[in-house]
Protein backbone atom coordinates (compact mmCIF):
# COMPACT_ATOMS: atom_id res chain seq x y z
CA MET A 1 96.30 112.33 95.87
CA ARG A 2 96.57 108.97 94.08
CA PHE A 3 97.99 105.55 94.72
CA ARG A 4 97.96 102.27 92.84
CA ALA A 5 100.26 99.24 92.91
CA LYS A 6 100.41 95.71 91.53
CA ILE A 7 102.10 92.49 92.69
CA VAL A 8 102.52 89.65 90.18
CA ASP A 9 105.39 87.57 91.55
CA LEU A 10 103.98 84.87 93.85
CA ALA A 11 107.06 84.78 96.12
CA CYS A 12 106.87 88.55 96.68
CA LEU A 13 103.13 88.27 97.29
CA ASN A 14 103.53 85.54 99.91
CA HIS A 15 106.38 87.36 101.66
CA PHE A 16 104.42 90.63 101.75
CA SER A 17 101.45 88.70 103.19
CA ARG A 18 103.61 87.24 105.96
CA ILE A 19 104.85 90.70 106.91
CA ILE A 20 101.26 92.01 107.04
CA ASN A 21 100.28 89.02 109.18
CA THR A 22 103.12 89.74 111.63
CA ILE A 23 102.08 93.40 111.88
CA ALA A 24 98.42 92.44 112.37
CA LYS A 25 99.39 90.33 115.39
CA LEU A 26 101.21 93.30 116.97
CA ALA A 27 98.88 96.21 116.20
CA LYS A 28 95.12 96.67 116.00
CA THR A 29 95.43 99.88 114.02
CA CYS A 30 98.40 101.47 112.32
CA ILE A 31 99.47 104.17 109.88
CA LEU A 32 100.45 103.45 106.27
CA ARG A 33 102.89 106.04 104.94
CA LEU A 34 103.39 106.02 101.17
CA THR A 35 106.31 107.64 99.37
CA VAL A 36 107.67 107.25 95.86
CA CYS A 37 110.32 104.67 96.85
CA LYS A 38 109.08 103.19 100.12
CA LEU A 39 106.05 102.35 102.19
CA TYR A 40 105.93 102.35 105.97
CA PHE A 41 103.66 100.72 108.54
CA ILE A 42 103.72 102.80 111.72
CA LEU A 43 102.13 102.52 115.14
CA SER A 44 102.68 105.46 117.45
CA ASP A 45 100.55 105.24 120.60
CA LYS A 46 101.20 107.23 123.76
CA VAL A 47 103.68 105.01 125.57
CA ALA A 48 103.05 106.81 128.86
CA ASN A 49 99.49 105.49 128.71
CA GLY A 50 100.58 101.91 128.10
CA GLY A 51 100.61 102.22 124.31
CA ALA A 52 103.02 100.76 121.79
CA SER A 53 105.23 102.06 119.01
CA MET A 54 106.02 100.14 115.83
CA TRP A 55 108.04 100.95 112.70
CA CYS A 56 108.05 98.88 109.51
CA GLU A 57 109.92 100.11 106.43
CA LEU A 58 109.71 98.40 103.02
CA SER A 59 111.29 99.27 99.67
CA GLN A 60 108.47 99.11 97.15
CA GLY A 61 110.75 97.84 94.37
CA ASN A 62 111.31 94.57 96.25
CA PHE A 63 107.61 93.68 96.20
CA PHE A 64 105.65 95.55 93.54
CA ASP A 65 105.81 95.16 89.77
CA GLU A 66 103.95 98.45 89.40
CA PHE A 67 103.89 101.30 91.91
CA GLN A 68 102.47 104.77 91.27
CA MET A 69 101.62 107.45 93.80
CA GLU A 70 101.00 111.18 93.94
CA GLY A 71 101.10 112.85 97.34
CA VAL A 72 99.07 115.67 98.78
CA ALA A 73 101.33 118.25 97.10
CA ALA A 74 104.44 118.43 94.92
CA GLU A 75 106.61 119.58 97.84
CA HIS A 76 105.01 117.01 100.19
CA ASN A 77 104.81 113.99 97.93
CA GLU A 78 103.58 111.55 100.59
CA ILE A 79 100.32 109.98 101.77
CA TYR A 80 99.46 108.99 105.35
CA LEU A 81 96.56 106.59 105.91
CA GLU A 82 95.17 105.02 109.09
CA PHE A 83 93.73 101.51 108.79
CA VAL A 84 93.24 98.15 110.53
CA PRO A 85 96.06 95.74 109.49
CA GLU A 86 93.87 92.70 110.26
CA ASN A 87 91.55 93.78 107.41
CA LEU A 88 94.48 94.01 104.99
CA TRP A 89 95.73 90.59 106.11
CA ARG A 90 92.30 89.04 105.47
CA ALA A 91 92.34 90.47 101.95
CA PHE A 92 95.81 89.06 101.21
CA LYS A 93 94.85 85.75 102.79
CA THR A 94 92.58 85.13 99.78
CA ALA A 95 95.51 85.78 97.42
CA GLN A 96 97.77 82.84 98.29
CA SER A 97 97.50 81.41 94.76
CA ALA A 98 96.56 84.61 92.92
CA LYS A 99 97.76 85.52 89.46
CA ALA A 100 98.07 89.17 90.51
CA VAL A 101 96.98 91.58 93.24
CA LYS A 102 96.16 95.22 92.60
CA ILE A 103 95.94 97.85 95.35
CA LYS A 104 94.33 101.21 94.72
CA LEU A 105 93.30 104.18 96.85
CA THR A 106 89.66 105.04 96.11
CA ASN A 107 87.17 107.56 97.44
CA LYS A 108 83.65 106.72 96.30
CA HIS A 109 81.64 106.76 99.52
CA CYS A 110 84.62 107.03 101.86
CA PRO A 111 88.42 106.66 101.50
CA CYS A 112 89.30 103.00 100.94
CA LEU A 113 92.18 100.81 99.92
CA ARG A 114 90.76 98.55 97.22
CA VAL A 115 92.53 95.19 96.99
CA ALA A 116 91.62 93.35 93.77
CA VAL A 117 92.74 89.71 93.75
CA GLU A 118 92.88 88.00 90.36
CA LEU A 119 92.43 84.27 90.90
CA PRO A 120 93.21 81.41 88.46
CA SER A 121 90.27 80.21 86.40
CA LEU A 122 89.58 77.14 84.24
CA SER A 123 87.70 79.29 81.73
CA SER A 124 88.94 82.15 79.61
CA SER A 125 87.33 84.71 81.89
CA SER A 126 89.21 85.77 84.99
CA ARG A 127 87.92 85.65 88.56
CA ILE A 128 88.50 88.82 90.58
CA VAL A 129 87.74 89.17 94.29
CA THR A 130 87.63 92.75 95.51
CA HIS A 131 88.12 93.95 99.10
CA ASP A 132 87.44 97.56 100.12
CA ILE A 133 89.34 98.42 103.29
CA PRO A 134 88.23 101.69 104.96
CA VAL A 135 91.07 104.11 105.72
CA GLY A 136 91.39 107.51 107.33
CA VAL A 137 93.50 110.20 105.68
CA ILE A 138 95.97 111.78 108.13
CA PRO A 139 96.26 115.57 107.67
CA ARG A 140 99.74 116.99 107.04
CA ARG A 141 99.80 118.89 110.35
CA MET A 142 99.95 115.51 112.13
CA TRP A 143 102.72 113.92 110.05
CA ASN A 144 105.41 114.73 112.60
CA ASP A 145 103.66 112.41 115.08
CA PHE A 146 104.66 109.43 112.94
CA ARG A 147 108.43 109.74 112.58
CA GLU A 148 110.81 106.83 113.12
CA PRO A 149 111.37 106.21 116.87
CA SER A 150 114.89 106.73 118.09
CA VAL A 151 116.71 103.75 119.64
CA PRO A 152 119.54 104.37 122.13
CA ASP A 153 123.05 102.94 121.88
CA PHE A 154 123.30 99.32 123.03
CA ASP A 155 125.51 97.70 125.68
CA VAL A 156 125.52 94.10 124.42
CA SER A 157 124.43 92.49 121.16
CA ILE A 158 124.11 88.70 120.87
CA TYR A 159 122.70 86.08 118.52
CA LEU A 160 119.57 84.42 119.86
CA PRO A 161 119.09 80.65 120.19
CA VAL A 162 116.65 78.77 117.96
CA LEU A 163 113.44 80.78 118.19
CA LYS A 164 111.24 77.70 118.64
CA THR A 165 113.30 76.76 121.69
CA MET A 166 113.17 80.29 123.05
CA LYS A 167 109.42 80.49 122.41
CA SER A 168 108.86 77.24 124.31
CA VAL A 169 110.85 78.50 127.31
CA VAL A 170 109.06 81.86 127.37
CA GLU A 171 105.62 80.23 127.13
CA ARG A 172 106.36 78.14 130.22
CA MET A 173 107.81 81.07 132.15
CA LYS A 174 104.84 83.37 131.46
CA ASN A 175 102.70 81.14 133.70
CA LEU A 176 104.96 82.03 136.63
CA SER A 177 105.57 85.76 136.21
CA ASN A 178 104.50 88.83 134.23
CA PHE A 179 108.10 89.93 133.62
CA ILE A 180 111.22 88.22 132.33
CA VAL A 181 114.87 89.25 132.72
CA ILE A 182 117.11 88.80 129.67
CA GLU A 183 120.83 88.74 130.46
CA ALA A 184 123.69 88.58 127.96
CA ASN A 185 127.40 89.31 127.67
CA LEU A 186 130.03 89.61 124.95
CA SER A 187 131.12 85.97 125.41
CA GLY A 188 128.04 84.60 123.68
CA GLU A 189 126.17 83.74 126.88
CA MET A 190 122.52 84.57 127.48
CA ASN A 191 120.12 83.82 130.36
CA LEU A 192 116.34 83.98 130.55
CA LYS A 193 115.15 84.20 134.13
CA ILE A 194 112.19 85.04 136.28
CA GLU A 195 112.23 85.81 139.99
CA THR A 196 109.23 85.93 142.29
CA ASP A 197 108.71 85.61 146.04
CA LEU A 198 108.04 81.89 145.57
CA VAL A 199 110.32 80.76 142.75
CA SER A 200 113.44 81.64 140.78
CA VAL A 201 113.93 80.01 137.35
CA THR A 202 116.84 80.55 134.95
CA THR A 203 117.51 79.06 131.51
CA HIS A 204 121.13 79.31 130.30
CA PHE A 205 122.34 79.51 126.69
CA LYS A 206 126.04 79.40 125.72
CA ASP A 207 128.18 79.76 122.60
CA LEU A 208 125.60 81.90 120.83
CA GLY A 209 128.10 84.37 119.41
CA ASN A 210 128.10 88.15 119.21
CA PRO A 211 127.56 89.95 115.89
CA PRO A 212 130.31 92.29 114.68
CA TRP A 213 129.18 95.83 113.99
CA ALA A 214 131.16 97.91 111.47
CA SER A 215 132.46 101.05 113.18
CA GLU A 216 133.21 102.86 109.91
CA ASP A 217 129.49 103.46 109.48
CA GLY A 218 129.66 105.80 112.42
CA TYR A 219 127.48 103.74 114.76
CA GLN A 220 129.63 103.31 117.85
CA SER A 221 128.17 101.22 120.63
CA SER A 222 128.92 101.34 124.32
CA ALA A 223 129.83 97.64 124.03
CA GLN A 224 133.34 98.63 122.92
CA GLY A 225 135.73 98.38 125.86
CA ARG A 226 133.18 96.49 127.94
CA ASP A 227 134.19 93.47 130.06
CA VAL A 228 133.26 90.44 127.92
CA GLU A 229 132.07 88.49 130.96
CA SER A 230 129.95 91.32 132.37
CA MET A 231 126.22 90.70 131.98
CA ALA A 232 123.85 93.35 130.67
CA GLU A 233 120.24 92.76 131.60
CA ALA A 234 116.80 94.12 130.85
CA CYS A 235 113.48 93.36 132.52
CA ILE A 236 110.66 93.29 129.97
CA ASP A 237 106.99 92.35 129.80
CA ILE A 238 106.97 88.61 129.14
CA LYS A 239 103.65 88.78 127.27
CA LYS A 240 105.12 91.29 124.79
CA LEU A 241 108.11 89.03 124.20
CA GLN A 242 105.85 86.01 123.76
CA GLN A 243 103.64 88.02 121.40
CA LEU A 244 106.56 88.73 119.07
CA LEU A 245 107.90 85.17 119.14
CA ALA A 246 104.44 83.75 118.43
CA GLY A 247 103.53 86.33 115.80
CA GLN A 248 106.60 86.52 113.56
CA GLN A 249 106.01 84.94 110.16
CA VAL A 250 109.19 85.79 108.23
CA ASN A 251 111.21 82.64 109.06
CA PRO A 252 114.45 84.46 109.95
CA THR A 253 117.87 82.94 109.28
CA LYS A 254 119.38 84.80 112.25
CA ALA A 255 118.00 86.48 115.34
CA LEU A 256 119.81 89.04 117.48
CA CYS A 257 119.22 90.72 120.81
CA SER A 258 120.72 94.05 121.89
CA LYS A 259 120.44 95.48 125.39
CA PHE A 260 120.80 99.17 126.06
CA ASN A 261 120.51 99.21 129.85
CA SER A 262 118.26 97.78 132.56
CA SER A 263 115.21 99.43 130.99
CA ALA A 264 115.31 98.37 127.34
CA CYS A 265 116.25 95.65 124.91
CA GLU A 266 115.67 95.07 121.21
CA LEU A 267 115.18 91.83 119.33
CA GLN A 268 116.02 91.75 115.64
CA LEU A 269 115.04 88.93 113.27
CA VAL A 270 117.22 88.77 110.16
CA GLY A 271 116.21 86.94 106.98
CA SER A 272 117.22 87.03 103.35
CA PHE A 273 114.44 89.55 102.65
CA ALA A 274 113.63 91.40 105.83
CA ILE A 275 114.63 92.45 109.30
CA LEU A 276 112.17 92.72 112.15
CA SER A 277 113.15 94.29 115.42
CA PHE A 278 111.22 94.48 118.68
CA SER A 279 112.01 96.77 121.57
CA ARG A 280 110.30 97.44 124.86
CA ILE A 281 111.07 99.88 127.66
CA SER A 282 109.99 98.22 130.89
CA VAL A 283 108.56 101.40 132.43
CA PHE A 284 106.16 101.70 129.50
CA ILE A 285 104.93 99.29 126.85
CA PHE A 286 107.14 100.22 123.91
CA VAL A 287 107.31 98.00 120.86
CA CYS A 288 109.57 98.97 117.98
CA LEU A 289 109.20 96.92 114.82
CA LYS A 290 111.57 97.80 112.00
CA VAL A 291 111.70 96.11 108.63
CA ASN A 292 114.34 96.80 106.01
CA ILE A 293 114.62 94.88 102.77
CA PHE A 294 117.98 93.77 101.39
CA THR A 295 118.84 92.04 98.15
CA ALA A 296 122.07 90.34 99.24
CA PRO A 297 123.47 88.92 102.50
CA GLU A 298 126.44 91.31 102.21
CA ASP A 299 124.15 94.17 103.21
CA PHE A 300 123.73 92.71 106.71
CA GLN A 301 127.10 94.14 107.79
CA TYR A 302 125.47 97.59 107.77
CA LEU A 303 122.69 96.70 110.18
CA TYR A 304 122.70 98.39 113.53
CA PHE A 305 120.50 98.88 116.56
């Protein structure tokens, strides 16, 4: 079981660091799944006990100049590691102006991810800062516990307003209630509202637009044939929504919201490199973070949730 990788390009390094920072703000511990072509950051708590679920998928070719791994066996060529994302973020925080960053799985005293940061130097000798991040190796019998969470078909999908504006509204509303209702229809209208015994507050957004989803991909949504003026709504934990809006670091060019029914909604942040999506079922605390990497804007027509 071996793994080593290297990042040289500064833009890729900074973008990877921002993704790690976003994950660190959403999860205290998570699973790193390594395959030949991709790496995944996964959080799979017991949602019935108030846990959270997160899924982050990255194509290694979009970040790493070198990437080598050998799994636990030839027929199971994967590695599952448990670690604290905050520790990985602290290591990459020292690499903002690095010449290169090397990551290697080691096992001297205990399993560790070794992050070696090569920093610029005025002399001929290089400066290397090394971080050893403890990890736990997940046995193969437990791999099925960390599969991608399924997301139900949606009722309405809509572009979100400017995230800074939405974040400001949510921050003010969270002082009045623990839950927020998100309403939207197929006419580009969305409402954020809270209702308590003492107060009812609603913020209206119009002309946001609804994203087209290609039906030839086989992903049919229940939005087809729906009354365009009919509102779909979901009641979610306002602190979880505020946590995502405050924690995202990928500077998305577009943001979308899809509602499945009164118990779930998903937010998806779309940028030129990555997509982050956040979902919560109101009965439980359920966070679904999904990241896919695309090389061209044309690929966005294949996105679904």
